[in-house]
Amino acid sequence: MPKKGHMTEKRRAVFIICFLLASLCGVMAAIAGSEKTDKEILAKKKIFEPWGMNVHLVFPSAKPFMNQLCAAMKDAGVQIIRIDGYWSYGNMQAQRALLDSAMYYADLHGLKVLLNFPTVPAKKDSASVDEWCKMLKFYASRYDGETPIRLTDSGEVRYPKVNYFEPMNEVDFVYDQGKITLEEAFMLTRKSAEAIREARPESDVKVVMAGICSFSQFVKKFLSYKDKDGISLKELVDVVSYHDYTTSADGWMYDIKRRKKEFKEAGLEDKEIWLTEYGSNLYETDFDEQASFFVKRSVEALSLGIDKIFYYQFHYYGGNTFPLKLQREDYFGMVDTGIKNPYVEFLENRDDGEFSIMTKGRPIRVYITGEKRVSLHELNDLILRQLKDSGLRIAGKGFSVVSVVLFQKKTKKENVIWTGKIRVDSDSNQVLKLTPELFKTATKNDCILVYVENVPEKIFEWDELRPFPVYEAYTSLASLLVKEASLPVKLSKENKQYAWSKPDGTNVLAIWDELGEMMLTRAEGGDSGYYIFDDLGRKLKKRNILIRNSPFLFVGKDSLLMRGF
């Protein structure tokens, strides 16, 4: 008799055989059931035109090149563009001409438009708010699909129609700057929504909530706020939106789930969710990582039910074009424009061999776009300290400086601190040096205005668009995640595997490994029924694929059979 707790060899053999049979049956069942479960494993929910793109009209790419920009975005698979509609109470005629151009060419190339009005009225009194609402009504009515728009360089008349409006932007950030209160943010949201709906009562016109960018107490209160009439965001907006520039996989997924929970707790779970800004910039990463980031984060966002995703941004103004780097903001983008128009550059005034540039190692560069002046608008603590310690150097190319002014934003008073005439040229070290004594009275309520002359009549020079790898990645992924494709479904916890099905029955598997690596050995082509592409859409002919951080996409009728990897 065997000892207690021990098996005989015969019983052990029987146990092992039973275990193996059970395991084999499980594997066979999974394989046998794979064709039956392919449709079941994929989400029933379909995606509908998710591909958005941010286009900044405040940059000097705008009017002369909107046709080229819109054509390139359409070719990439972009379906809706988010455009800045209004930045200041400046030249309304010029603003209107700029927007007309954008709307004209967006309509020409079949792009839908989300018109964002990012600023808020400086004053919140009834007269200022009425003026703000009047502006919203004007543009909502102007782009109603019935108003003719004709450009001076085109004889054709078009009738652009905009159905999506986003009054304000990042109200939580504006609140943190002390420029708005919670009550004012909600009041402006309500007034804006009512103005847009008064001008455009059609059922397909949607008001998009101003994109939020933090998880602050302000955001929590704003989302659930009710005014004295009992009105909440649920009655005012059709779409909730947010921004996220998180680059890590865990942080990205956590943010999406937390944001969705936040919307649900505020009673907004029945609203569409648009991610109106996301992306990685070339100041902090390289071309390949930027493309890889785009594919991974886009698939993940759509898999978690985000309805539209707007990459930030289309055109780029980074260090490849100019000898000095720009601000971090300008390093986002997926095509280089090679733009060469005149620019003013603000630098710290030092004589220790090299120019020390402002704002933590980056220059502040402002393009000259036809106005007779440019401004250094935000004087933060760092800039004020540099101004008062060492002064300011004004550099750049393509103009003469005739005066420099400290402009008081509140009183609108101009204090001229330098006048004369000097041609500046960064290439030959011709700069205007301003001493610290000139900035003794400068405060955060001031901005610096530089008046210029002798700017070349042709202020725009733009080479052909040069796409970065992320443009190819966008084009490839948008061709696979098409309208009415199924929502991407995550298949594995150990590594990143997402599958979806196109309307034509083609299956797609996207796979990558954030932390490690694995080797896949699979035949490519007709014998296996699928093809392999990298994240840039390049077809591969390798049998052995080393999966690391960059995604690979398997496309074909049998793609989902690989979900056991």
Protein backbone atom coordinates (compact mmCIF):
# COMPACT_ATOMS: atom_id res chain seq x y z
CA MET A 1 0.00 0.00 0.00
CA PRO A 2 1.45 3.36 -0.94
CA LYS A 3 2.15 5.90 1.77
CA LYS A 4 -0.48 8.52 2.47
CA GLY A 5 -0.06 11.56 0.22
CA HIS A 6 1.86 9.68 -2.49
CA MET A 7 0.73 8.33 -5.87
CA THR A 8 1.63 5.10 -7.50
CA GLU A 9 3.37 5.35 -10.86
CA LYS A 10 0.21 4.02 -12.49
CA ARG A 11 -2.04 6.62 -10.84
CA ARG A 12 0.45 9.36 -11.63
CA ALA A 13 0.50 8.34 -15.28
CA VAL A 14 -3.30 8.32 -15.41
CA PHE A 15 -3.40 11.78 -13.83
CA ILE A 16 -0.88 13.21 -16.29
CA ILE A 17 -2.71 11.72 -19.26
CA CYS A 18 -6.03 13.15 -18.04
CA PHE A 19 -4.41 16.56 -17.48
CA LEU A 20 -2.88 16.57 -20.95
CA LEU A 21 -6.14 15.46 -22.54
CA ALA A 22 -8.02 18.19 -20.75
CA SER A 23 -5.46 20.78 -21.83
CA LEU A 24 -5.47 19.50 -25.39
CA CYS A 25 -9.26 19.56 -25.47
CA GLY A 26 -9.18 23.16 -24.31
CA VAL A 27 -6.68 24.14 -26.97
CA MET A 28 -8.57 22.25 -29.68
CA ALA A 29 -11.82 23.78 -28.59
CA ALA A 30 -10.28 27.24 -28.80
CA ILE A 31 -8.88 26.51 -32.24
CA ALA A 32 -12.05 24.81 -33.46
CA GLY A 33 -14.15 27.64 -32.10
CA SER A 34 -11.98 30.42 -33.40
CA GLU A 35 -13.86 30.87 -36.66
CA LYS A 36 -17.16 30.82 -34.83
CA THR A 37 -15.99 33.28 -32.21
CA ASP A 38 -14.20 35.73 -34.51
CA LYS A 39 -17.38 37.74 -34.91
CA GLU A 40 -18.37 37.20 -31.30
CA ILE A 41 -15.06 38.36 -29.91
CA LEU A 42 -15.19 41.63 -31.82
CA ALA A 43 -17.26 44.45 -30.40
CA LYS A 44 -20.67 44.97 -31.92
CA LYS A 45 -20.18 48.72 -31.68
CA LYS A 46 -18.84 50.36 -34.82
CA ILE A 47 -16.58 53.34 -35.17
CA PHE A 48 -17.88 56.27 -37.17
CA GLU A 49 -15.45 58.77 -38.68
CA PRO A 50 -13.04 58.92 -35.71
CA TRP A 51 -10.09 60.58 -37.45
CA GLY A 52 -9.58 64.22 -36.50
CA MET A 53 -6.74 66.70 -36.85
CA ASN A 54 -5.86 70.05 -35.27
CA VAL A 55 -4.92 72.87 -37.64
CA HIS A 56 -3.66 76.15 -36.23
CA LEU A 57 -4.65 79.18 -38.26
CA VAL A 58 -2.70 81.47 -35.96
CA PHE A 59 0.51 80.18 -37.52
CA PRO A 60 1.60 81.69 -40.84
CA SER A 61 0.54 78.67 -42.84
CA ALA A 62 -3.00 79.71 -42.98
CA LYS A 63 -4.66 81.40 -45.92
CA PRO A 64 -2.20 80.97 -48.80
CA PHE A 65 -1.80 77.24 -48.18
CA MET A 66 -5.17 76.00 -46.97
CA ASN A 67 -5.82 74.22 -50.25
CA GLN A 68 -2.53 72.32 -49.97
CA LEU A 69 -3.07 71.56 -46.28
CA CYS A 70 -6.62 70.29 -46.72
CA ALA A 71 -5.65 68.12 -49.69
CA ALA A 72 -2.79 66.53 -47.72
CA MET A 73 -5.01 65.89 -44.70
CA LYS A 74 -7.69 64.30 -46.86
CA ASP A 75 -5.06 62.04 -48.45
CA ALA A 76 -3.96 60.94 -44.97
CA GLY A 77 -7.48 59.84 -44.06
CA VAL A 78 -8.47 62.82 -41.90
CA GLN A 79 -12.24 63.15 -41.67
CA ILE A 80 -12.74 66.19 -39.45
CA ILE A 81 -10.45 69.12 -38.66
CA ARG A 82 -10.44 71.27 -35.54
CA ILE A 83 -9.71 74.90 -36.38
CA ASP A 84 -9.17 77.97 -34.20
CA GLY A 85 -12.08 80.24 -35.00
CA TYR A 86 -11.30 83.33 -32.99
CA TRP A 87 -8.35 84.49 -30.92
CA SER A 88 -8.79 88.16 -30.08
CA TYR A 89 -10.89 91.23 -30.65
CA GLY A 90 -8.50 92.24 -33.42
CA ASN A 91 -9.01 92.67 -37.13
CA MET A 92 -12.35 90.95 -37.67
CA GLN A 93 -12.17 91.42 -41.42
CA ALA A 94 -8.82 89.63 -41.63
CA GLN A 95 -10.10 86.94 -39.25
CA ARG A 96 -13.15 86.40 -41.42
CA ALA A 97 -11.06 86.13 -44.60
CA LEU A 98 -8.81 83.56 -42.91
CA LEU A 99 -11.73 81.43 -41.76
CA ASP A 100 -13.49 81.75 -45.11
CA SER A 101 -10.40 80.32 -46.77
CA ALA A 102 -10.23 77.44 -44.32
CA MET A 103 -13.93 76.61 -44.64
CA TYR A 104 -13.84 76.92 -48.42
CA TYR A 105 -11.04 74.40 -48.88
CA ALA A 106 -12.26 72.06 -46.14
CA ASP A 107 -15.57 71.90 -47.99
CA LEU A 108 -13.78 71.45 -51.33
CA HIS A 109 -11.90 68.41 -50.02
CA GLY A 110 -14.80 66.90 -48.10
CA LEU A 111 -13.49 67.58 -44.58
CA LYS A 112 -15.87 68.25 -41.74
CA VAL A 113 -14.98 71.04 -39.32
CA LEU A 114 -15.03 71.51 -35.56
CA LEU A 115 -14.84 75.28 -35.09
CA ASN A 116 -13.17 76.10 -31.77
CA PHE A 117 -13.25 79.56 -30.18
CA PRO A 118 -10.37 79.23 -27.70
CA THR A 119 -10.34 82.57 -25.93
CA VAL A 120 -12.79 83.94 -23.37
CA PRO A 121 -13.96 87.53 -23.08
CA ALA A 122 -11.53 89.57 -20.99
CA LYS A 123 -14.50 91.08 -19.20
CA LYS A 124 -17.52 89.09 -18.06
CA ASP A 125 -20.03 91.96 -17.89
CA SER A 126 -23.25 91.67 -19.86
CA ALA A 127 -22.04 93.91 -22.72
CA SER A 128 -18.86 91.85 -23.25
CA VAL A 129 -20.74 88.55 -23.05
CA ASP A 130 -23.33 89.85 -25.53
CA GLU A 131 -20.51 90.78 -27.92
CA TRP A 132 -19.05 87.28 -27.53
CA CYS A 133 -22.41 85.66 -28.28
CA LYS A 134 -22.92 87.95 -31.25
CA MET A 135 -19.62 86.72 -32.68
CA LEU A 136 -20.64 83.06 -32.18
CA LYS A 137 -23.98 83.66 -33.90
CA PHE A 138 -22.24 85.38 -36.79
CA TYR A 139 -19.94 82.45 -37.59
CA ALA A 140 -22.59 79.80 -36.91
CA SER A 141 -24.88 81.56 -39.40
CA ARG A 142 -22.13 82.28 -41.91
CA TYR A 143 -21.18 78.60 -42.28
CA ASP A 144 -24.72 77.22 -42.49
CA GLY A 145 -24.41 75.56 -45.90
CA GLU A 146 -26.49 78.27 -47.57
CA THR A 147 -24.20 81.32 -47.41
CA PRO A 148 -22.00 81.64 -50.54
CA ILE A 149 -18.25 81.91 -49.97
CA ARG A 150 -16.07 83.06 -52.87
CA LEU A 151 -12.31 83.53 -52.57
CA THR A 152 -10.45 86.20 -54.53
CA ASP A 153 -8.16 83.58 -56.08
CA SER A 154 -11.01 81.30 -57.14
CA GLY A 155 -14.06 81.93 -59.25
CA GLU A 156 -16.03 79.02 -57.82
CA VAL A 157 -18.61 79.65 -55.12
CA ARG A 158 -18.94 77.13 -52.29
CA TYR A 159 -21.42 76.80 -49.46
CA PRO A 160 -19.45 75.38 -46.51
CA LYS A 161 -21.44 73.93 -43.65
CA VAL A 162 -20.08 73.62 -40.11
CA ASN A 163 -22.10 71.56 -37.67
CA TYR A 164 -19.69 71.34 -34.73
CA PHE A 165 -18.87 74.29 -32.47
CA GLU A 166 -16.61 74.36 -29.41
CA PRO A 167 -16.82 77.64 -27.48
CA MET A 168 -13.74 78.17 -25.28
CA ASN A 169 -10.80 75.86 -24.68
CA GLU A 170 -9.19 74.35 -21.58
CA VAL A 171 -11.36 76.31 -19.14
CA ASP A 172 -9.58 74.58 -16.25
CA PHE A 173 -6.29 76.08 -17.41
CA VAL A 174 -7.93 79.50 -17.79
CA TYR A 175 -9.29 79.12 -14.25
CA ASP A 176 -5.82 78.26 -12.94
CA GLN A 177 -4.54 81.49 -14.52
CA GLY A 178 -7.10 83.46 -12.51
CA LYS A 179 -8.91 84.66 -15.64
CA ILE A 180 -12.26 83.05 -14.95
CA THR A 181 -14.32 81.76 -12.04
CA LEU A 182 -16.33 78.54 -11.91
CA GLU A 183 -19.58 80.50 -12.16
CA GLU A 184 -18.29 82.53 -15.12
CA ALA A 185 -17.08 79.40 -16.94
CA PHE A 186 -20.50 77.81 -16.68
CA MET A 187 -22.31 81.06 -17.53
CA LEU A 188 -20.25 81.45 -20.70
CA THR A 189 -20.84 77.80 -21.62
CA ARG A 190 -24.59 78.29 -21.28
CA LYS A 191 -24.69 81.62 -23.11
CA SER A 192 -22.51 80.20 -25.91
CA ALA A 193 -24.63 77.08 -26.35
CA GLU A 194 -27.84 79.12 -26.43
CA ALA A 195 -26.36 81.55 -28.98
CA ILE A 196 -25.22 78.76 -31.30
CA ARG A 197 -28.56 76.94 -31.09
CA GLU A 198 -30.45 80.17 -31.72
CA ALA A 199 -28.46 80.73 -34.89
CA ARG A 200 -28.50 77.07 -35.93
CA PRO A 201 -31.48 75.15 -34.53
CA GLU A 202 -30.94 72.10 -36.77
CA SER A 203 -30.81 68.79 -34.92
CA ASP A 204 -27.46 67.77 -36.45
CA VAL A 205 -25.65 70.86 -35.10
CA LYS A 206 -23.61 69.88 -32.04
CA VAL A 207 -22.18 71.98 -29.22
CA VAL A 208 -18.91 70.52 -27.96
CA MET A 209 -17.87 71.18 -24.37
CA ALA A 210 -14.63 73.13 -24.01
CA GLY A 211 -11.78 70.60 -23.83
CA ILE A 212 -10.49 70.03 -20.30
CA CYS A 213 -6.89 69.09 -19.61
CA SER A 214 -6.61 68.27 -15.88
CA PHE A 215 -8.20 66.25 -13.09
CA SER A 216 -8.57 69.24 -10.79
CA GLN A 217 -11.29 70.06 -8.29
CA PHE A 218 -12.40 72.78 -10.70
CA VAL A 219 -13.07 70.17 -13.39
CA LYS A 220 -15.07 67.99 -11.02
CA LYS A 221 -17.21 70.95 -9.94
CA PHE A 222 -17.58 72.29 -13.50
CA LEU A 223 -18.82 68.96 -14.88
CA SER A 224 -21.51 68.62 -12.21
CA TYR A 225 -22.38 72.33 -11.84
CA LYS A 226 -26.01 73.48 -11.84
CA ASP A 227 -26.96 77.14 -12.05
CA LYS A 228 -29.86 78.85 -10.29
CA ASP A 229 -32.22 77.61 -13.01
CA GLY A 230 -31.16 74.01 -12.43
CA ILE A 231 -29.40 73.89 -15.81
CA SER A 232 -26.34 71.61 -16.07
CA LEU A 233 -23.93 70.63 -18.83
CA LYS A 234 -26.22 67.73 -19.68
CA GLU A 235 -28.73 70.20 -21.12
CA LEU A 236 -26.13 72.40 -22.83
CA VAL A 237 -23.63 70.21 -24.69
CA ASP A 238 -23.92 67.30 -27.11
CA VAL A 239 -20.29 66.21 -26.82
CA VAL A 240 -17.83 66.19 -23.90
CA SER A 241 -14.17 66.63 -24.75
CA TYR A 242 -10.75 66.54 -23.16
CA HIS A 243 -7.03 66.74 -23.93
CA ASP A 244 -4.32 64.26 -22.97
CA TYR A 245 -0.59 64.36 -23.76
CA THR A 246 0.37 61.41 -21.56
CA THR A 247 2.94 59.26 -23.36
CA SER A 248 3.20 56.17 -21.13
CA ALA A 249 0.86 53.26 -21.83
CA ASP A 250 -0.30 52.79 -18.25
CA GLY A 251 -0.86 56.50 -17.69
CA TRP A 252 -2.75 56.83 -20.96
CA MET A 253 -5.18 53.98 -20.25
CA TYR A 254 -5.62 55.11 -16.65
CA ASP A 255 -6.45 58.66 -17.78
CA ILE A 256 -9.08 57.47 -20.25
CA LYS A 257 -10.81 55.24 -17.70
CA ARG A 258 -10.66 57.95 -15.05
CA ARG A 259 -12.02 60.55 -17.47
CA LYS A 260 -14.92 58.31 -18.50
CA LYS A 261 -15.72 57.66 -14.85
CA GLU A 262 -15.65 61.41 -14.22
CA PHE A 263 -18.12 62.04 -17.05
CA LYS A 264 -20.39 59.26 -15.80
CA GLU A 265 -20.43 60.59 -12.24
CA ALA A 266 -21.50 63.98 -13.63
CA GLY A 267 -24.42 62.38 -15.49
CA LEU A 268 -22.79 62.82 -18.92
CA GLU A 269 -22.37 59.13 -19.80
CA ASP A 270 -24.79 59.37 -22.74
CA LYS A 271 -22.69 62.05 -24.47
CA GLU A 272 -20.14 61.36 -27.18
CA ILE A 273 -16.54 61.67 -25.94
CA TRP A 274 -14.03 63.41 -28.17
CA LEU A 275 -10.31 63.52 -27.46
CA THR A 276 -9.72 66.89 -29.11
CA GLU A 277 -5.97 67.08 -28.49
CA TYR A 278 -3.32 64.36 -28.15
CA GLY A 279 0.12 63.75 -29.60
CA SER A 280 3.84 63.62 -28.95
CA ASN A 281 6.33 66.28 -29.97
CA LEU A 282 9.75 66.12 -31.57
CA TYR A 283 11.29 68.21 -28.81
CA GLU A 284 11.00 65.24 -26.45
CA THR A 285 11.09 62.24 -28.79
CA ASP A 286 12.24 61.17 -32.26
CA PHE A 287 10.45 60.45 -35.53
CA ASP A 288 10.07 56.69 -35.02
CA GLU A 289 8.84 57.00 -31.44
CA GLN A 290 6.35 59.65 -32.53
CA ALA A 291 4.89 57.30 -35.16
CA SER A 292 4.80 54.36 -32.74
CA PHE A 293 3.11 56.51 -30.10
CA PHE A 294 0.42 57.54 -32.54
CA VAL A 295 -0.55 53.99 -33.54
CA LYS A 296 -0.57 52.58 -30.00
CA ARG A 297 -2.38 55.41 -28.27
CA SER A 298 -4.95 55.78 -31.08
CA VAL A 299 -5.87 52.09 -31.05
CA GLU A 300 -6.12 52.11 -27.25
CA ALA A 301 -8.30 55.22 -27.14
CA LEU A 302 -10.73 53.86 -29.72
CA SER A 303 -10.83 50.48 -27.95
CA LEU A 304 -12.03 52.22 -24.78
CA GLY A 305 -14.90 53.94 -26.58
CA ILE A 306 -13.54 57.40 -27.41
CA ASP A 307 -15.66 58.49 -30.38
CA LYS A 308 -13.30 60.91 -32.15
CA ILE A 309 -9.59 61.55 -31.74
CA PHE A 310 -7.91 64.75 -32.96
CA TYR A 311 -4.14 64.53 -33.39
CA TYR A 312 -2.19 67.63 -32.43
CA GLN A 313 -1.21 69.01 -34.89
CA PHE A 314 -0.81 68.77 -38.68
CA HIS A 315 1.98 71.13 -39.69
CA TYR A 316 5.25 71.57 -37.85
CA TYR A 317 7.57 74.53 -37.25
CA GLY A 318 10.46 72.84 -35.49
CA GLY A 319 14.22 73.09 -35.49
CA ASN A 320 14.75 71.53 -38.93
CA THR A 321 13.66 74.75 -40.58
CA PHE A 322 15.56 77.36 -38.57
CA PRO A 323 18.99 77.51 -36.95
CA LEU A 324 17.52 77.96 -33.46
CA LYS A 325 14.84 75.84 -31.87
CA LEU A 326 11.34 77.12 -31.27
CA GLN A 327 9.11 76.74 -28.28
CA ARG A 328 7.92 73.25 -27.28
CA GLU A 329 4.50 74.01 -28.75
CA ASP A 330 5.95 74.22 -32.25
CA TYR A 331 7.46 70.73 -32.17
CA PHE A 332 4.13 69.00 -32.60
CA GLY A 333 3.23 68.10 -36.17
CA MET A 334 3.42 65.45 -38.86
CA VAL A 335 4.49 67.42 -41.94
CA ASP A 336 7.26 69.96 -42.29
CA THR A 337 6.31 73.03 -44.28
CA GLY A 338 9.80 74.39 -44.79
CA ILE A 339 8.35 77.83 -44.11
CA LYS A 340 10.77 80.73 -44.52
CA ASN A 341 8.84 83.87 -43.65
CA PRO A 342 10.35 86.66 -41.48
CA TYR A 343 10.41 86.20 -37.74
CA VAL A 344 11.29 88.08 -34.56
CA GLU A 345 13.21 86.30 -31.85
CA PHE A 346 13.43 87.35 -28.20
CA LEU A 347 16.62 86.46 -26.33
CA GLU A 348 18.17 87.26 -22.99
CA ASN A 349 20.72 90.09 -23.31
CA ARG A 350 24.11 88.66 -22.30
CA ASP A 351 27.68 89.17 -23.48
CA ASP A 352 29.27 85.93 -22.27
CA GLY A 353 30.00 84.52 -25.69
CA GLU A 354 26.63 83.16 -26.70
CA PHE A 355 23.05 84.32 -26.52
CA SER A 356 21.27 82.74 -23.58
CA ILE A 357 17.76 82.19 -24.77
CA MET A 358 14.62 82.71 -22.75
CA THR A 359 12.08 80.27 -21.28
CA LYS A 360 14.19 77.38 -20.01
CA GLY A 361 16.57 77.06 -22.92
CA ARG A 362 14.21 77.79 -25.81
CA PRO A 363 13.90 81.04 -27.72
CA ILE A 364 10.63 82.85 -28.08
CA ARG A 365 9.99 83.27 -31.78
CA VAL A 366 7.11 85.19 -33.30
CA TYR A 367 6.43 85.16 -37.03
CA ILE A 368 5.68 88.34 -38.95
CA THR A 369 2.46 87.64 -40.80
CA GLY A 370 1.53 90.97 -42.32
CA GLU A 371 0.97 93.06 -39.19
CA LYS A 372 3.23 96.03 -38.46
CA ARG A 373 3.99 94.75 -34.99
CA VAL A 374 4.60 91.54 -33.10
CA SER A 375 4.24 90.93 -29.36
CA LEU A 376 5.86 89.05 -26.54
CA HIS A 377 2.48 88.53 -24.90
CA GLU A 378 3.09 86.61 -21.68
CA LEU A 379 5.64 87.99 -19.22
CA ASN A 380 5.97 85.20 -16.66
CA ASP A 381 8.25 85.21 -13.59
CA LEU A 382 11.21 83.75 -15.47
CA ILE A 383 11.01 86.23 -18.34
CA LEU A 384 10.54 89.20 -16.00
CA ARG A 385 13.59 88.14 -13.99
CA GLN A 386 15.68 87.85 -17.15
CA LEU A 387 14.48 91.22 -18.41
CA LYS A 388 15.35 92.97 -15.15
CA ASP A 389 18.68 91.15 -14.68
CA SER A 390 20.13 91.33 -18.17
CA GLY A 391 17.68 93.04 -20.51
CA LEU A 392 16.52 91.82 -23.90
CA ARG A 393 18.00 91.13 -27.32
CA ILE A 394 15.74 91.25 -30.34
CA ALA A 395 16.99 89.14 -33.21
CA GLY A 396 15.46 87.57 -36.29
CA LYS A 397 15.49 88.05 -40.03
CA GLY A 398 13.64 89.96 -42.72
CA PHE A 399 12.67 93.30 -41.13
CA SER A 400 13.76 96.53 -39.40
CA VAL A 401 12.79 97.46 -35.83
CA VAL A 402 11.53 101.05 -35.44
CA SER A 403 10.24 101.02 -31.85
CA VAL A 404 9.78 98.84 -28.78
CA VAL A 405 6.87 99.42 -26.41
CA LEU A 406 5.75 98.22 -23.00
CA PHE A 407 2.00 97.81 -23.45
CA GLN A 408 -0.25 97.78 -20.39
CA LYS A 409 -3.00 95.26 -21.10
CA LYS A 410 -5.53 96.68 -18.67
CA THR A 411 -5.22 100.38 -19.47
CA LYS A 412 -4.19 99.86 -23.14
CA LYS A 413 -1.45 102.43 -22.56
CA GLU A 414 1.78 102.26 -24.61
CA ASN A 415 5.09 103.22 -22.99
CA VAL A 416 7.79 103.58 -25.65
CA ILE A 417 11.11 102.34 -24.27
CA TRP A 418 13.16 102.46 -27.50
CA THR A 419 12.81 104.22 -30.82
CA GLY A 420 15.07 104.41 -33.86
CA LYS A 421 15.67 102.16 -36.84
CA ILE A 422 17.84 99.04 -36.99
CA ARG A 423 17.92 96.14 -39.41
CA VAL A 424 18.27 92.87 -37.52
CA ASP A 425 19.81 89.72 -38.98
CA SER A 426 20.58 86.69 -36.84
CA ASP A 427 22.96 85.29 -39.48
CA SER A 428 25.34 88.27 -39.10
CA ASN A 429 24.74 88.91 -35.38
CA GLN A 430 22.92 92.17 -36.05
CA VAL A 431 20.64 92.48 -33.03
CA LEU A 432 18.93 95.15 -31.00
CA LYS A 433 20.20 95.22 -27.39
CA LEU A 434 17.92 96.64 -24.71
CA THR A 435 19.33 97.22 -21.22
CA PRO A 436 17.72 96.07 -17.93
CA GLU A 437 16.96 99.67 -16.89
CA LEU A 438 14.31 99.85 -19.61
CA PHE A 439 12.28 97.07 -17.93
CA LYS A 440 12.31 98.28 -14.33
CA THR A 441 8.57 98.99 -14.38
CA ALA A 442 7.56 95.87 -16.34
CA THR A 443 4.95 93.59 -14.71
CA LYS A 444 2.94 90.50 -15.61
CA ASN A 445 0.18 92.82 -16.77
CA ASP A 446 2.41 94.13 -19.57
CA CYS A 447 3.40 92.78 -22.93
CA ILE A 448 6.24 93.86 -25.21
CA LEU A 449 5.33 95.21 -28.64
CA VAL A 450 7.92 95.41 -31.39
CA TYR A 451 7.01 97.66 -34.33
CA VAL A 452 8.64 96.65 -37.60
CA GLU A 453 9.19 98.06 -41.10
CA ASN A 454 10.70 96.96 -44.41
CA VAL A 455 9.17 93.50 -44.23
CA PRO A 456 9.32 91.81 -47.66
CA GLU A 457 6.08 92.18 -49.58
CA LYS A 458 5.94 88.42 -50.09
CA ILE A 459 5.98 87.29 -46.49
CA PHE A 460 5.19 83.64 -47.16
CA GLU A 461 7.56 81.17 -48.74
CA TRP A 462 6.63 77.54 -48.37
CA ASP A 463 8.40 74.54 -49.81
CA GLU A 464 6.52 71.35 -50.63
CA LEU A 465 5.15 69.46 -47.66
CA ARG A 466 7.63 66.93 -46.32
CA PRO A 467 5.82 64.21 -44.35
CA PHE A 468 7.32 62.75 -41.19
CA PRO A 469 6.94 59.04 -40.36
CA VAL A 470 3.90 59.80 -38.18
CA TYR A 471 2.08 61.02 -41.32
CA GLU A 472 2.64 57.60 -42.91
CA ALA A 473 1.49 55.93 -39.67
CA TYR A 474 -1.68 58.05 -39.62
CA THR A 475 -2.41 57.24 -43.26
CA SER A 476 -1.90 53.51 -42.70
CA LEU A 477 -3.97 53.22 -39.53
CA ALA A 478 -6.80 55.37 -40.89
CA SER A 479 -7.03 53.01 -43.89
CA LEU A 480 -7.47 50.04 -41.53
CA LEU A 481 -9.76 51.62 -38.91
CA VAL A 482 -12.29 52.83 -41.44
CA LYS A 483 -15.88 53.95 -41.08
CA GLU A 484 -18.09 51.15 -39.69
CA ALA A 485 -15.15 48.97 -38.70
CA SER A 486 -15.67 47.25 -35.38
CA LEU A 487 -14.26 48.79 -32.23
CA PRO A 488 -10.74 47.46 -31.46
CA VAL A 489 -10.87 44.76 -28.77
CA LYS A 490 -7.98 43.91 -26.45
CA LEU A 491 -7.14 40.20 -26.63
CA SER A 492 -4.23 39.75 -24.23
CA LYS A 493 -3.17 41.00 -20.82
CA GLU A 494 0.47 39.97 -21.12
CA ASN A 495 1.22 42.10 -24.16
CA LYS A 496 -0.68 44.50 -26.33
CA GLN A 497 -2.92 42.71 -28.82
CA TYR A 498 -5.91 44.50 -30.32
CA ALA A 499 -8.16 43.12 -33.04
CA TRP A 500 -10.92 44.56 -35.17
CA SER A 501 -12.79 43.79 -38.35
CA LYS A 502 -13.28 45.97 -41.41
CA PRO A 503 -16.67 46.16 -43.13
CA ASP A 504 -15.36 43.96 -45.97
CA GLY A 505 -14.68 41.12 -43.51
CA THR A 506 -10.93 41.65 -43.33
CA ASN A 507 -9.56 41.22 -39.82
CA VAL A 508 -6.73 43.24 -38.33
CA LEU A 509 -4.50 42.38 -35.39
CA ALA A 510 -2.24 45.10 -33.92
CA ILE A 511 0.42 43.76 -31.59
CA TRP A 512 3.32 45.22 -29.60
CA ASP A 513 5.09 44.74 -26.29
CA GLU A 514 5.68 47.81 -24.10
CA LEU A 515 8.09 46.17 -21.66
CA GLY A 516 9.81 43.18 -23.28
CA GLU A 517 10.06 41.40 -26.58
CA MET A 518 8.87 38.22 -28.27
CA MET A 519 9.63 36.43 -31.52
CA LEU A 520 6.85 35.48 -33.90
CA THR A 521 7.47 32.92 -36.63
CA ARG A 522 4.78 33.02 -39.24
CA ALA A 523 4.66 32.65 -42.98
CA GLU A 524 3.61 35.74 -44.89
CA GLY A 525 1.26 35.85 -47.82
CA GLY A 526 -1.09 33.42 -49.45
CA ASP A 527 -0.33 30.26 -47.46
CA SER A 528 -1.32 31.87 -44.18
CA GLY A 529 -3.99 34.24 -45.44
CA TYR A 530 -2.62 37.43 -43.98
CA TYR A 531 0.01 40.08 -44.57
CA ILE A 532 2.28 41.85 -42.11
CA PHE A 533 2.80 45.60 -41.93
CA ASP A 534 4.88 47.78 -39.65
CA ASP A 535 3.50 50.88 -37.94
CA LEU A 536 4.30 53.01 -41.01
CA GLY A 537 2.21 50.80 -43.29
CA ARG A 538 5.20 49.14 -44.96
CA LYS A 539 4.54 45.56 -46.05
CA LEU A 540 7.05 43.12 -44.59
CA LYS A 541 8.35 39.87 -46.07
CA LYS A 542 9.98 38.51 -42.93
CA ARG A 543 9.14 35.13 -41.55
CA ASN A 544 10.53 35.90 -38.10
CA ILE A 545 9.16 39.07 -36.51
CA LEU A 546 10.70 40.42 -33.30
CA ILE A 547 7.90 42.20 -31.45
CA ARG A 548 9.02 45.07 -29.27
CA ASN A 549 7.66 48.53 -28.53
CA SER A 550 6.74 49.39 -32.13
CA PRO A 551 3.46 47.88 -33.37
CA PHE A 552 3.04 45.37 -36.16
CA LEU A 553 -0.26 44.89 -37.91
CA PHE A 554 -1.46 41.59 -39.35
CA VAL A 555 -4.14 42.02 -41.98
CA GLY A 556 -6.21 39.27 -43.57
CA LYS A 557 -9.09 36.85 -43.18
CA ASP A 558 -7.25 34.71 -40.59
CA SER A 559 -5.63 37.39 -38.46
CA LEU A 560 -7.61 36.60 -35.35
CA LEU A 561 -6.37 33.01 -35.28
CA MET A 562 -3.16 34.47 -33.85
CA ARG A 563 -4.80 35.68 -30.68
CA GLY A 564 -3.16 32.84 -28.77
CA PHE A 565 0.30 34.39 -29.06
